[in-house]
Amino acid sequence: MTQRQKVPGRKVPVTARALVARLNRRLHGDDEMLRRGRSHLGGERVWCRINWRSNWLVEEDVDLEALGRKLGALAAYETLADDD
């Protein structure tokens, strides 16, 4: 029987779509969700945190990886995959 050996420093990539789904499940209890919106400073797409009951903007330009770690949706051995 063989055992898998952990490679130190190697992290499992998680796509942005999968991380957003995990975060939305965590935020649902606080009546919040993540949405992709446009920044008013140049038109680039940014992630926004909104309260879906009152439709208020809670946070703009959210760092998905930092929020994932803070809420426990991203484990220590996982990392956000780069968009190609």
Protein backbone atom coordinates (compact mmCIF):
# COMPACT_ATOMS: atom_id res chain seq x y z
CA MET A 1 0.00 0.00 0.00
CA THR A 2 1.45 3.37 -0.99
CA GLN A 3 0.94 6.61 0.84
CA ARG A 4 0.82 10.04 -0.70
CA GLN A 5 3.63 12.23 0.43
CA LYS A 6 3.05 15.91 0.91
CA VAL A 7 5.30 18.20 -1.03
CA PRO A 8 6.29 21.10 1.22
CA GLY A 9 5.28 24.48 -0.13
CA ARG A 10 2.95 23.05 -2.78
CA LYS A 11 -0.59 24.42 -2.73
CA VAL A 12 -3.77 23.21 -4.39
CA PRO A 13 -5.21 25.77 -6.85
CA VAL A 14 -8.86 26.78 -6.44
CA THR A 15 -10.63 28.66 -9.24
CA ALA A 16 -12.22 32.04 -8.59
CA ARG A 17 -15.63 30.63 -9.48
CA ALA A 18 -15.32 27.85 -6.87
CA LEU A 19 -14.07 30.29 -4.22
CA VAL A 20 -16.93 32.73 -4.91
CA ALA A 21 -19.43 29.87 -4.50
CA ARG A 22 -17.84 28.91 -1.16
CA LEU A 23 -17.84 32.55 0.01
CA ASN A 24 -21.46 33.12 -1.00
CA ARG A 25 -22.49 30.09 1.08
CA ARG A 26 -20.61 31.55 4.07
CA LEU A 27 -22.01 35.07 3.57
CA HIS A 28 -25.63 33.98 3.06
CA GLY A 29 -26.26 33.83 6.82
CA ASP A 30 -25.38 37.54 7.08
CA ASP A 31 -27.69 38.40 4.14
CA GLU A 32 -24.65 39.20 2.00
CA MET A 33 -23.26 37.97 -1.31
CA LEU A 34 -20.46 38.68 -3.76
CA ARG A 35 -21.18 40.27 -7.11
CA ARG A 36 -18.92 41.29 -9.95
CA GLY A 37 -19.34 45.00 -10.68
CA ARG A 38 -17.61 47.77 -12.55
CA SER A 39 -15.27 50.17 -10.84
CA HIS A 40 -16.12 53.80 -11.30
CA LEU A 41 -12.41 54.53 -11.80
CA GLY A 42 -11.74 53.02 -15.18
CA GLY A 43 -14.37 50.44 -15.90
CA GLU A 44 -12.43 47.36 -14.78
CA ARG A 45 -14.41 44.53 -13.21
CA VAL A 46 -14.11 44.26 -9.41
CA TRP A 47 -15.73 42.04 -6.78
CA CYS A 48 -18.23 43.79 -4.50
CA ARG A 49 -19.87 42.57 -1.32
CA ILE A 50 -23.55 43.55 -1.10
CA ASN A 51 -26.39 43.06 1.35
CA TRP A 52 -29.02 41.36 -0.79
CA ARG A 53 -31.95 42.32 1.43
CA SER A 54 -31.37 46.07 1.35
CA ASN A 55 -29.23 46.10 -1.85
CA TRP A 56 -26.56 48.16 -0.06
CA LEU A 57 -22.91 48.01 -0.96
CA VAL A 58 -20.99 46.61 2.02
CA GLU A 59 -17.48 46.51 0.53
CA GLU A 60 -16.01 47.35 -2.87
CA ASP A 61 -12.92 45.87 -4.53
CA VAL A 62 -12.88 42.71 -2.39
CA ASP A 63 -9.71 40.59 -2.29
CA LEU A 64 -11.15 37.09 -2.76
CA GLU A 65 -8.18 35.21 -1.32
CA ALA A 66 -7.95 37.38 1.81
CA LEU A 67 -11.71 37.16 2.44
CA GLY A 68 -11.61 33.40 1.85
CA ARG A 69 -8.90 32.94 4.46
CA LYS A 70 -10.67 35.25 6.93
CA LEU A 71 -14.00 33.37 6.66
CA GLY A 72 -12.39 29.92 6.56
CA ALA A 73 -13.51 29.15 3.00
CA LEU A 74 -9.92 28.71 1.79
CA ALA A 75 -7.69 26.23 3.62
CA ALA A 76 -4.03 26.85 4.37
CA TYR A 77 -2.96 24.37 1.68
CA GLU A 78 -5.12 26.05 -1.04
CA THR A 79 -4.44 29.10 -3.18
CA LEU A 80 -6.45 31.13 -5.67
CA ALA A 81 -5.65 29.97 -9.22
CA ASP A 82 -4.38 32.52 -11.72
CA ASP A 83 -6.73 33.54 -14.54
CA ASP A 84 -5.19 32.60 -17.87
